[in-house]
Amino acid sequence: MNAIAPDTIEISDKAGYSTKLVVDPASGLPKKQIYTGIAMNGPPAEVEEIYNSFADVNGVKLPSSTTVLQGGKKFSETKILETKVNSGLKMEDLAKKP
């Protein structure tokens, strides 16, 4: 992990994959994530996931709206209608095997 700008960190692994996370200095929340993605058709392209708004869900701030750019062009928009955190999952539920 390296700070490459006052508001940007780059995270990479030993295989050479990396992502840049841009953080809003005022809120401390992520503004966007930038990485090279594998395209369905054609060469890999730069992907930007832009987090447009956040919602407080049981004390956790999570993105509620995201815009994705691929190769600099709008690829998709997502609006999350409902998110649940800590909604009652029990340890014994995690121990169950299919």
PDB file of N, CA and C in Angstrom:
ATOM      1  N   MET A   1       0.856  -1.158   0.000  1.00  0.00           N
ATOM      2  CA  MET A   1       0.000   0.000   0.000  1.00  0.00           C
ATOM      3  C   MET A   1       0.906   1.227   0.000  1.00  0.00           C
ATOM      4  N   ASN A   2       0.620   2.174  -0.905  1.00  0.00           N
ATOM      5  CA  ASN A   2       1.405   3.401  -1.030  1.00  0.00           C
ATOM      6  C   ASN A   2       0.492   4.601  -1.162  1.00  0.00           C
ATOM      7  N   ALA A   3       0.859   5.689  -0.501  1.00  0.00           N
ATOM      8  CA  ALA A   3       0.155   6.960  -0.714  1.00  0.00           C
ATOM      9  C   ALA A   3       0.766   7.592  -1.955  1.00  0.00           C
ATOM     10  N   ILE A   4      -0.046   7.781  -3.005  1.00  0.00           N
ATOM     11  CA  ILE A   4       0.484   8.350  -4.244  1.00  0.00           C
ATOM     12  C   ILE A   4       0.026   9.792  -4.449  1.00  0.00           C
ATOM     13  N   ALA A   5      -0.864  10.258  -3.578  1.00  0.00           N
ATOM     14  CA  ALA A   5      -1.338  11.648  -3.564  1.00  0.00           C
ATOM     15  C   ALA A   5      -1.933  11.873  -2.177  1.00  0.00           C
ATOM     16  N   PRO A   6      -2.178  13.128  -1.792  1.00  0.00           N
ATOM     17  CA  PRO A   6      -2.734  13.373  -0.459  1.00  0.00           C
ATOM     18  C   PRO A   6      -4.064  12.659  -0.195  1.00  0.00           C
ATOM     19  N   ASP A   7      -4.840  12.401  -1.248  1.00  0.00           N
ATOM     20  CA  ASP A   7      -6.137  11.762  -1.074  1.00  0.00           C
ATOM     21  C   ASP A   7      -6.228  10.386  -1.731  1.00  0.00           C
ATOM     22  N   THR A   8      -5.091   9.820  -2.157  1.00  0.00           N
ATOM     23  CA  THR A   8      -5.120   8.574  -2.932  1.00  0.00           C
ATOM     24  C   THR A   8      -4.098   7.573  -2.422  1.00  0.00           C
ATOM     25  N   ILE A   9      -4.576   6.332  -2.227  1.00  0.00           N
ATOM     26  CA  ILE A   9      -3.656   5.241  -1.908  1.00  0.00           C
ATOM     27  C   ILE A   9      -3.751   4.192  -2.998  1.00  0.00           C
ATOM     28  N   GLU A  10      -2.631   3.543  -3.246  1.00  0.00           N
ATOM     29  CA  GLU A  10      -2.587   2.464  -4.231  1.00  0.00           C
ATOM     30  C   GLU A  10      -2.317   1.174  -3.479  1.00  0.00           C
ATOM     31  N   ILE A  11      -3.138   0.167  -3.750  1.00  0.00           N
ATOM     32  CA  ILE A  11      -3.012  -1.134  -3.110  1.00  0.00           C
ATOM     33  C   ILE A  11      -2.711  -2.141  -4.215  1.00  0.00           C
ATOM     34  N   SER A  12      -1.671  -2.962  -4.013  1.00  0.00           N
ATOM     35  CA  SER A  12      -1.319  -3.950  -5.033  1.00  0.00           C
ATOM     36  C   SER A  12      -0.949  -5.275  -4.379  1.00  0.00           C
ATOM     37  N   ASP A  13      -0.977  -6.330  -5.199  1.00  0.00           N
ATOM     38  CA  ASP A  13      -0.580  -7.644  -4.698  1.00  0.00           C
ATOM     39  C   ASP A  13       0.645  -8.138  -5.440  1.00  0.00           C
ATOM     40  N   LYS A  14       1.135  -9.301  -5.047  1.00  0.00           N
ATOM     41  CA  LYS A  14       2.355  -9.854  -5.644  1.00  0.00           C
ATOM     42  C   LYS A  14       2.157 -10.266  -7.097  1.00  0.00           C
ATOM     43  N   ALA A  15       0.907 -10.488  -7.514  1.00  0.00           N
ATOM     44  CA  ALA A  15       0.624 -10.885  -8.897  1.00  0.00           C
ATOM     45  C   ALA A  15       0.607  -9.687  -9.844  1.00  0.00           C
ATOM     46  N   GLY A  16       0.700  -8.468  -9.293  1.00  0.00           N
ATOM     47  CA  GLY A  16       0.728  -7.281 -10.133  1.00  0.00           C
ATOM     48  C   GLY A  16      -0.601  -6.573 -10.290  1.00  0.00           C
ATOM     49  N   TYR A  17      -1.644  -7.075  -9.640  1.00  0.00           N
ATOM     50  CA  TYR A  17      -2.936  -6.400  -9.684  1.00  0.00           C
ATOM     51  C   TYR A  17      -2.919  -5.238  -8.706  1.00  0.00           C
ATOM     52  N   SER A  18      -3.577  -4.143  -9.087  1.00  0.00           N
ATOM     53  CA  SER A  18      -3.603  -2.989  -8.185  1.00  0.00           C
ATOM     54  C   SER A  18      -4.897  -2.206  -8.348  1.00  0.00           C
ATOM     55  N   THR A  19      -5.185  -1.420  -7.329  1.00  0.00           N
ATOM     56  CA  THR A  19      -6.324  -0.517  -7.348  1.00  0.00           C
ATOM     57  C   THR A  19      -5.920   0.766  -6.653  1.00  0.00           C
ATOM     58  N   LYS A  20      -6.494   1.861  -7.090  1.00  0.00           N
ATOM     59  CA  LYS A  20      -6.276   3.151  -6.440  1.00  0.00           C
ATOM     60  C   LYS A  20      -7.569   3.538  -5.756  1.00  0.00           C
ATOM     61  N   LEU A  21      -7.473   3.940  -4.500  1.00  0.00           N
ATOM     62  CA  LEU A  21      -8.636   4.366  -3.740  1.00  0.00           C
ATOM     63  C   LEU A  21      -8.483   5.844  -3.429  1.00  0.00           C
ATOM     64  N   VAL A  22      -9.435   6.641  -3.927  1.00  0.00           N
ATOM     65  CA  VAL A  22      -9.436   8.088  -3.701  1.00  0.00           C
ATOM     66  C   VAL A  22     -10.419   8.362  -2.564  1.00  0.00           C
ATOM     67  N   VAL A  23      -9.939   9.067  -1.537  1.00  0.00           N
ATOM     68  CA  VAL A  23     -10.726   9.314  -0.331  1.00  0.00           C
ATOM     69  C   VAL A  23     -11.084  10.793  -0.236  1.00  0.00           C
ATOM     70  N   ASP A  24     -12.313  11.066   0.187  1.00  0.00           N
ATOM     71  CA  ASP A  24     -12.756  12.435   0.434  1.00  0.00           C
ATOM     72  C   ASP A  24     -12.115  12.901   1.736  1.00  0.00           C
ATOM     73  N   PRO A  25     -11.236  13.910   1.683  1.00  0.00           N
ATOM     74  CA  PRO A  25     -10.539  14.333   2.902  1.00  0.00           C
ATOM     75  C   PRO A  25     -11.476  14.895   3.970  1.00  0.00           C
ATOM     76  N   ALA A  26     -12.611  15.436   3.570  1.00  0.00           N
ATOM     77  CA  ALA A  26     -13.538  16.023   4.545  1.00  0.00           C
ATOM     78  C   ALA A  26     -14.260  14.941   5.352  1.00  0.00           C
ATOM     79  N   SER A  27     -14.706  13.875   4.686  1.00  0.00           N
ATOM     80  CA  SER A  27     -15.497  12.848   5.372  1.00  0.00           C
ATOM     81  C   SER A  27     -14.686  11.598   5.721  1.00  0.00           C
ATOM     82  N   GLY A  28     -13.570  11.377   5.010  1.00  0.00           N
ATOM     83  CA  GLY A  28     -12.807  10.154   5.198  1.00  0.00           C
ATOM     84  C   GLY A  28     -13.391   8.961   4.469  1.00  0.00           C
ATOM     85  N   LEU A  29     -14.461   9.185   3.712  1.00  0.00           N
ATOM     86  CA  LEU A  29     -15.116   8.109   2.962  1.00  0.00           C
ATOM     87  C   LEU A  29     -14.516   7.994   1.566  1.00  0.00           C
ATOM     88  N   PRO A  30     -14.555   6.796   0.977  1.00  0.00           N
ATOM     89  CA  PRO A  30     -14.044   6.647  -0.384  1.00  0.00           C
ATOM     90  C   PRO A  30     -14.885   7.423  -1.395  1.00  0.00           C
ATOM     91  N   LYS A  31     -14.209   8.102  -2.334  1.00  0.00           N
ATOM     92  CA  LYS A  31     -14.899   8.804  -3.420  1.00  0.00           C
ATOM     93  C   LYS A  31     -14.974   7.927  -4.658  1.00  0.00           C
ATOM     94  N   LYS A  32     -13.856   7.237  -4.932  1.00  0.00           N
ATOM     95  CA  LYS A  32     -13.843   6.359  -6.107  1.00  0.00           C
ATOM     96  C   LYS A  32     -12.706   5.362  -6.004  1.00  0.00           C
ATOM     97  N   GLN A  33     -12.829   4.318  -6.815  1.00  0.00           N
ATOM     98  CA  GLN A  33     -11.821   3.281  -6.938  1.00  0.00           C
ATOM     99  C   GLN A  33     -11.473   3.155  -8.420  1.00  0.00           C
ATOM    100  N   ILE A  34     -10.183   3.053  -8.726  1.00  0.00           N
ATOM    101  CA  ILE A  34      -9.732   2.986 -10.119  1.00  0.00           C
ATOM    102  C   ILE A  34      -8.846   1.749 -10.279  1.00  0.00           C
ATOM    103  N   TYR A  35      -9.141   0.940 -11.298  1.00  0.00           N
ATOM    104  CA  TYR A  35      -8.350  -0.261 -11.557  1.00  0.00           C
ATOM    105  C   TYR A  35      -8.478  -0.649 -13.018  1.00  0.00           C
ATOM    106  N   THR A  36      -7.643  -1.561 -13.468  1.00  0.00           N
ATOM    107  CA  THR A  36      -7.740  -2.075 -14.827  1.00  0.00           C
ATOM    108  C   THR A  36      -8.593  -3.325 -14.791  1.00  0.00           C
ATOM    109  N   GLY A  37      -9.666  -3.302 -15.567  1.00  0.00           N
ATOM    110  CA  GLY A  37     -10.601  -4.424 -15.587  1.00  0.00           C
ATOM    111  C   GLY A  37     -10.496  -5.225 -16.862  1.00  0.00           C
ATOM    112  N   ILE A  38     -10.936  -6.444 -16.795  1.00  0.00           N
ATOM    113  CA  ILE A  38     -10.948  -7.316 -17.966  1.00  0.00           C
ATOM    114  C   ILE A  38     -12.250  -7.073 -18.707  1.00  0.00           C
ATOM    115  N   ALA A  39     -12.155  -6.680 -19.961  1.00  0.00           N
ATOM    116  CA  ALA A  39     -13.339  -6.389 -20.768  1.00  0.00           C
ATOM    117  C   ALA A  39     -13.868  -7.667 -21.403  1.00  0.00           C
ATOM    118  N   MET A  40     -15.175  -7.711 -21.630  1.00  0.00           N
ATOM    119  CA  MET A  40     -15.790  -8.872 -22.278  1.00  0.00           C
ATOM    120  C   MET A  40     -15.251  -9.025 -23.696  1.00  0.00           C
ATOM    121  N   ASN A  41     -15.168  -7.918 -24.410  1.00  0.00           N
ATOM    122  CA  ASN A  41     -14.637  -7.918 -25.771  1.00  0.00           C
ATOM    123  C   ASN A  41     -13.576  -6.831 -25.858  1.00  0.00           C
ATOM    124  N   GLY A  42     -12.394  -7.187 -26.283  1.00  0.00           N
ATOM    125  CA  GLY A  42     -11.357  -6.182 -26.434  1.00  0.00           C
ATOM    126  C   GLY A  42     -10.335  -6.224 -25.314  1.00  0.00           C
ATOM    127  N   PRO A  43      -9.405  -5.282 -25.362  1.00  0.00           N
ATOM    128  CA  PRO A  43      -8.319  -5.262 -24.384  1.00  0.00           C
ATOM    129  C   PRO A  43      -8.802  -4.775 -23.012  1.00  0.00           C
ATOM    130  N   PRO A  44      -8.019  -5.028 -21.957  1.00  0.00           N
ATOM    131  CA  PRO A  44      -8.370  -4.519 -20.635  1.00  0.00           C
ATOM    132  C   PRO A  44      -8.547  -3.001 -20.673  1.00  0.00           C
ATOM    133  N   ALA A  45      -9.448  -2.491 -19.845  1.00  0.00           N
ATOM    134  CA  ALA A  45      -9.736  -1.065 -19.826  1.00  0.00           C
ATOM    135  C   ALA A  45      -9.717  -0.553 -18.386  1.00  0.00           C
ATOM    136  N   GLU A  46      -9.415   0.739 -18.239  1.00  0.00           N
ATOM    137  CA  GLU A  46      -9.463   1.344 -16.922  1.00  0.00           C
ATOM    138  C   GLU A  46     -10.921   1.452 -16.468  1.00  0.00           C
ATOM    139  N   VAL A  47     -11.167   1.050 -15.238  1.00  0.00           N
ATOM    140  CA  VAL A  47     -12.507   1.100 -14.657  1.00  0.00           C
ATOM    141  C   VAL A  47     -12.468   2.056 -13.472  1.00  0.00           C
ATOM    142  N   GLU A  48     -13.458   2.938 -13.404  1.00  0.00           N
ATOM    143  CA  GLU A  48     -13.620   3.860 -12.285  1.00  0.00           C
ATOM    144  C   GLU A  48     -14.967   3.599 -11.658  1.00  0.00           C
ATOM    145  N   GLU A  49     -14.971   3.266 -10.378  1.00  0.00           N
ATOM    146  CA  GLU A  49     -16.209   3.131  -9.625  1.00  0.00           C
ATOM    147  C   GLU A  49     -16.341   4.385  -8.774  1.00  0.00           C
ATOM    148  N   ILE A  50     -17.335   5.204  -9.053  1.00  0.00           N
ATOM    149  CA  ILE A  50     -17.526   6.477  -8.352  1.00  0.00           C
ATOM    150  C   ILE A  50     -18.675   6.312  -7.370  1.00  0.00           C
ATOM    151  N   TYR A  51     -18.383   6.576  -6.101  1.00  0.00           N
ATOM    152  CA  TYR A  51     -19.393   6.439  -5.051  1.00  0.00           C
ATOM    153  C   TYR A  51     -20.067   7.791  -4.863  1.00  0.00           C
ATOM    154  N   ASN A  52     -21.327   7.889  -5.301  1.00  0.00           N
ATOM    155  CA  ASN A  52     -22.035   9.166  -5.347  1.00  0.00           C
ATOM    156  C   ASN A  52     -22.662   9.576  -4.033  1.00  0.00           C
ATOM    157  N   SER A  53     -23.135   8.634  -3.257  1.00  0.00           N
ATOM    158  CA  SER A  53     -23.762   8.979  -1.988  1.00  0.00           C
ATOM    159  C   SER A  53     -23.635   7.805  -1.031  1.00  0.00           C
ATOM    160  N   PHE A  54     -23.731   8.113   0.242  1.00  0.00           N
ATOM    161  CA  PHE A  54     -23.606   7.096   1.277  1.00  0.00           C
ATOM    162  C   PHE A  54     -24.833   7.136   2.175  1.00  0.00           C
ATOM    163  N   ALA A  55     -25.185   5.964   2.701  1.00  0.00           N
ATOM    164  CA  ALA A  55     -26.287   5.855   3.657  1.00  0.00           C
ATOM    165  C   ALA A  55     -25.742   5.228   4.936  1.00  0.00           C
ATOM    166  N   ASP A  56     -26.270   5.658   6.057  1.00  0.00           N
ATOM    167  CA  ASP A  56     -25.896   5.077   7.336  1.00  0.00           C
ATOM    168  C   ASP A  56     -26.767   3.852   7.565  1.00  0.00           C
ATOM    169  N   VAL A  57     -26.134   2.688   7.701  1.00  0.00           N
ATOM    170  CA  VAL A  57     -26.853   1.434   7.918  1.00  0.00           C
ATOM    171  C   VAL A  57     -26.340   0.838   9.219  1.00  0.00           C
ATOM    172  N   ASN A  58     -27.133   0.970  10.270  1.00  0.00           N
ATOM    173  CA  ASN A  58     -26.755   0.460  11.597  1.00  0.00           C
ATOM    174  C   ASN A  58     -25.366   0.932  12.014  1.00  0.00           C
ATOM    175  N   GLY A  59     -25.076   2.197  11.770  1.00  0.00           N
ATOM    176  CA  GLY A  59     -23.802   2.774  12.186  1.00  0.00           C
ATOM    177  C   GLY A  59     -22.659   2.598  11.205  1.00  0.00           C
ATOM    178  N   VAL A  60     -22.916   1.960  10.075  1.00  0.00           N
ATOM    179  CA  VAL A  60     -21.897   1.764   9.043  1.00  0.00           C
ATOM    180  C   VAL A  60     -22.296   2.574   7.819  1.00  0.00           C
ATOM    181  N   LYS A  61     -21.394   3.398   7.308  1.00  0.00           N
ATOM    182  CA  LYS A  61     -21.695   4.176   6.106  1.00  0.00           C
ATOM    183  C   LYS A  61     -21.317   3.344   4.883  1.00  0.00           C
ATOM    184  N   LEU A  62     -22.315   3.105   4.026  1.00  0.00           N
ATOM    185  CA  LEU A  62     -22.125   2.290   2.828  1.00  0.00           C
ATOM    186  C   LEU A  62     -22.606   3.057   1.607  1.00  0.00           C
ATOM    187  N   PRO A  63     -21.958   2.827   0.448  1.00  0.00           N
ATOM    188  CA  PRO A  63     -22.409   3.518  -0.771  1.00  0.00           C
ATOM    189  C   PRO A  63     -23.850   3.126  -1.098  1.00  0.00           C
ATOM    190  N   SER A  64     -24.649   4.109  -1.474  1.00  0.00           N
ATOM    191  CA  SER A  64     -26.032   3.820  -1.871  1.00  0.00           C
ATOM    192  C   SER A  64     -26.257   4.124  -3.343  1.00  0.00           C
ATOM    193  N   SER A  65     -25.256   4.698  -3.990  1.00  0.00           N
ATOM    194  CA  SER A  65     -25.346   5.007  -5.415  1.00  0.00           C
ATOM    195  C   SER A  65     -23.931   4.978  -6.000  1.00  0.00           C
ATOM    196  N   THR A  66     -23.778   4.280  -7.117  1.00  0.00           N
ATOM    197  CA  THR A  66     -22.462   4.123  -7.741  1.00  0.00           C
ATOM    198  C   THR A  66     -22.581   4.304  -9.251  1.00  0.00           C
ATOM    199  N   THR A  67     -21.615   5.010  -9.835  1.00  0.00           N
ATOM    200  CA  THR A  67     -21.492   5.124 -11.285  1.00  0.00           C
ATOM    201  C   THR A  67     -20.191   4.447 -11.692  1.00  0.00           C
ATOM    202  N   VAL A  68     -20.246   3.623 -12.739  1.00  0.00           N
ATOM    203  CA  VAL A  68     -19.061   2.932 -13.224  1.00  0.00           C
ATOM    204  C   VAL A  68     -18.719   3.449 -14.611  1.00  0.00           C
ATOM    205  N   LEU A  69     -17.472   3.888 -14.769  1.00  0.00           N
ATOM    206  CA  LEU A  69     -16.944   4.282 -16.075  1.00  0.00           C
ATOM    207  C   LEU A  69     -15.974   3.205 -16.525  1.00  0.00           C
ATOM    208  N   GLN A  70     -16.037   2.840 -17.782  1.00  0.00           N
ATOM    209  CA  GLN A  70     -15.102   1.872 -18.342  1.00  0.00           C
ATOM    210  C   GLN A  70     -14.466   2.506 -19.567  1.00  0.00           C
ATOM    211  N   GLY A  71     -13.140   2.635 -19.535  1.00  0.00           N
ATOM    212  CA  GLY A  71     -12.447   3.302 -20.632  1.00  0.00           C
ATOM    213  C   GLY A  71     -12.878   4.751 -20.785  1.00  0.00           C
ATOM    214  N   GLY A  72     -13.264   5.403 -19.655  1.00  0.00           N
ATOM    215  CA  GLY A  72     -13.681   6.801 -19.676  1.00  0.00           C
ATOM    216  C   GLY A  72     -15.130   7.036 -20.073  1.00  0.00           C
ATOM    217  N   LYS A  73     -15.855   5.968 -20.404  1.00  0.00           N
ATOM    218  CA  LYS A  73     -17.259   6.106 -20.815  1.00  0.00           C
ATOM    219  C   LYS A  73     -18.165   5.465 -19.779  1.00  0.00           C
ATOM    220  N   LYS A  74     -19.331   6.076 -19.579  1.00  0.00           N
ATOM    221  CA  LYS A  74     -20.285   5.551 -18.607  1.00  0.00           C
ATOM    222  C   LYS A  74     -20.697   4.142 -19.001  1.00  0.00           C
ATOM    223  N   PHE A  75     -20.522   3.217 -18.061  1.00  0.00           N
ATOM    224  CA  PHE A  75     -20.846   1.814 -18.291  1.00  0.00           C
ATOM    225  C   PHE A  75     -22.126   1.427 -17.554  1.00  0.00           C
ATOM    226  N   SER A  76     -22.263   1.916 -16.306  1.00  0.00           N
ATOM    227  CA  SER A  76     -23.468   1.575 -15.543  1.00  0.00           C
ATOM    228  C   SER A  76     -23.673   2.537 -14.380  1.00  0.00           C
ATOM    229  N   GLU A  77     -24.901   2.534 -13.884  1.00  0.00           N
ATOM    230  CA  GLU A  77     -25.254   3.251 -12.665  1.00  0.00           C
ATOM    231  C   GLU A  77     -26.025   2.278 -11.790  1.00  0.00           C
ATOM    232  N   THR A  78     -25.732   2.317 -10.506  1.00  0.00           N
ATOM    233  CA  THR A  78     -26.401   1.430  -9.575  1.00  0.00           C
ATOM    234  C   THR A  78     -26.953   2.245  -8.418  1.00  0.00           C
ATOM    235  N   LYS A  79     -28.187   1.972  -8.067  1.00  0.00           N
ATOM    236  CA  LYS A  79     -28.787   2.586  -6.886  1.00  0.00           C
ATOM    237  C   LYS A  79     -29.241   1.452  -5.987  1.00  0.00           C
ATOM    238  N   ILE A  80     -28.697   1.402  -4.790  1.00  0.00           N
ATOM    239  CA  ILE A  80     -29.033   0.356  -3.836  1.00  0.00           C
ATOM    240  C   ILE A  80     -30.255   0.815  -3.052  1.00  0.00           C
ATOM    241  N   LEU A  81     -31.303   0.030  -3.121  1.00  0.00           N
ATOM    242  CA  LEU A  81     -32.559   0.409  -2.488  1.00  0.00           C
ATOM    243  C   LEU A  81     -32.627   0.025  -1.011  1.00  0.00           C
ATOM    244  N   GLU A  82     -31.972  -1.076  -0.642  1.00  0.00           N
ATOM    245  CA  GLU A  82     -32.013  -1.516   0.746  1.00  0.00           C
ATOM    246  C   GLU A  82     -30.734  -2.267   1.077  1.00  0.00           C
ATOM    247  N   THR A  83     -30.183  -1.972   2.247  1.00  0.00           N
ATOM    248  CA  THR A  83     -29.008  -2.666   2.747  1.00  0.00           C
ATOM    249  C   THR A  83     -29.248  -3.008   4.203  1.00  0.00           C
ATOM    250  N   LYS A  84     -28.882  -4.222   4.581  1.00  0.00           N
ATOM    251  CA  LYS A  84     -29.002  -4.637   5.970  1.00  0.00           C
ATOM    252  C   LYS A  84     -27.626  -5.051   6.473  1.00  0.00           C
ATOM    253  N   VAL A  85     -27.325  -4.638   7.697  1.00  0.00           N
ATOM    254  CA  VAL A  85     -26.080  -5.004   8.353  1.00  0.00           C
ATOM    255  C   VAL A  85     -26.437  -5.534   9.736  1.00  0.00           C
ATOM    256  N   ASN A  86     -25.788  -6.634  10.131  1.00  0.00           N
ATOM    257  CA  ASN A  86     -26.048  -7.221  11.448  1.00  0.00           C
ATOM    258  C   ASN A  86     -27.541  -7.449  11.673  1.00  0.00           C
ATOM    259  N   SER A  87     -28.155  -8.165  10.747  1.00  0.00           N
ATOM    260  CA  SER A  87     -29.609  -8.348  10.791  1.00  0.00           C
ATOM    261  C   SER A  87     -30.033  -9.614  11.520  1.00  0.00           C
ATOM    262  N   GLY A  88     -29.154 -10.178  12.339  1.00  0.00           N
ATOM    263  CA  GLY A  88     -29.571 -11.311  13.146  1.00  0.00           C
ATOM    264  C   GLY A  88     -28.912 -12.630  12.803  1.00  0.00           C
ATOM    265  N   LEU A  89     -27.890 -12.651  11.981  1.00  0.00           N
ATOM    266  CA  LEU A  89     -27.185 -13.886  11.668  1.00  0.00           C
ATOM    267  C   LEU A  89     -26.496 -14.392  12.927  1.00  0.00           C
ATOM    268  N   LYS A  90     -26.616 -15.687  13.203  1.00  0.00           N
ATOM    269  CA  LYS A  90     -26.043 -16.274  14.404  1.00  0.00           C
ATOM    270  C   LYS A  90     -24.841 -17.129  14.035  1.00  0.00           C
ATOM    271  N   MET A  91     -23.925 -17.308  14.980  1.00  0.00           N
ATOM    272  CA  MET A  91     -22.720 -18.112  14.742  1.00  0.00           C
ATOM    273  C   MET A  91     -23.077 -19.534  14.311  1.00  0.00           C
ATOM    274  N   GLU A  92     -24.135 -20.105  14.890  1.00  0.00           N
ATOM    275  CA  GLU A  92     -24.515 -21.463  14.504  1.00  0.00           C
ATOM    276  C   GLU A  92     -24.986 -21.543  13.054  1.00  0.00           C
ATOM    277  N   ASP A  93     -25.534 -20.431  12.535  1.00  0.00           N
ATOM    278  CA  ASP A  93     -25.927 -20.395  11.123  1.00  0.00           C
ATOM    279  C   ASP A  93     -24.694 -20.473  10.227  1.00  0.00           C
ATOM    280  N   LEU A  94     -23.610 -19.843  10.644  1.00  0.00           N
ATOM    281  CA  LEU A  94     -22.377 -19.873   9.869  1.00  0.00           C
ATOM    282  C   LEU A  94     -21.739 -21.254   9.887  1.00  0.00           C
ATOM    283  N   ALA A  95     -21.972 -22.031  10.950  1.00  0.00           N
ATOM    284  CA  ALA A  95     -21.367 -23.347  11.082  1.00  0.00           C
ATOM    285  C   ALA A  95     -22.087 -24.409  10.252  1.00  0.00           C
ATOM    286  N   LYS A  96     -23.297 -24.129   9.780  1.00  0.00           N
ATOM    287  CA  LYS A  96     -24.061 -25.109   8.995  1.00  0.00           C
ATOM    288  C   LYS A  96     -23.392 -25.328   7.654  1.00  0.00           C
ATOM    289  N   LYS A  97     -23.333 -26.590   7.250  1.00  0.00           N
ATOM    290  CA  LYS A  97     -22.750 -26.940   5.948  1.00  0.00           C
ATOM    291  C   LYS A  97     -23.865 -27.344   5.009  1.00  0.00           C
ATOM    292  N   PRO A  98     -23.733 -26.964   3.732  1.00  0.00           N
ATOM    293  CA  PRO A  98     -24.792 -27.311   2.764  1.00  0.00           C
ATOM    294  C   PRO A  98     -24.936 -28.798   2.568  1.00  0.00           C
TER     295      PRO A  98
END
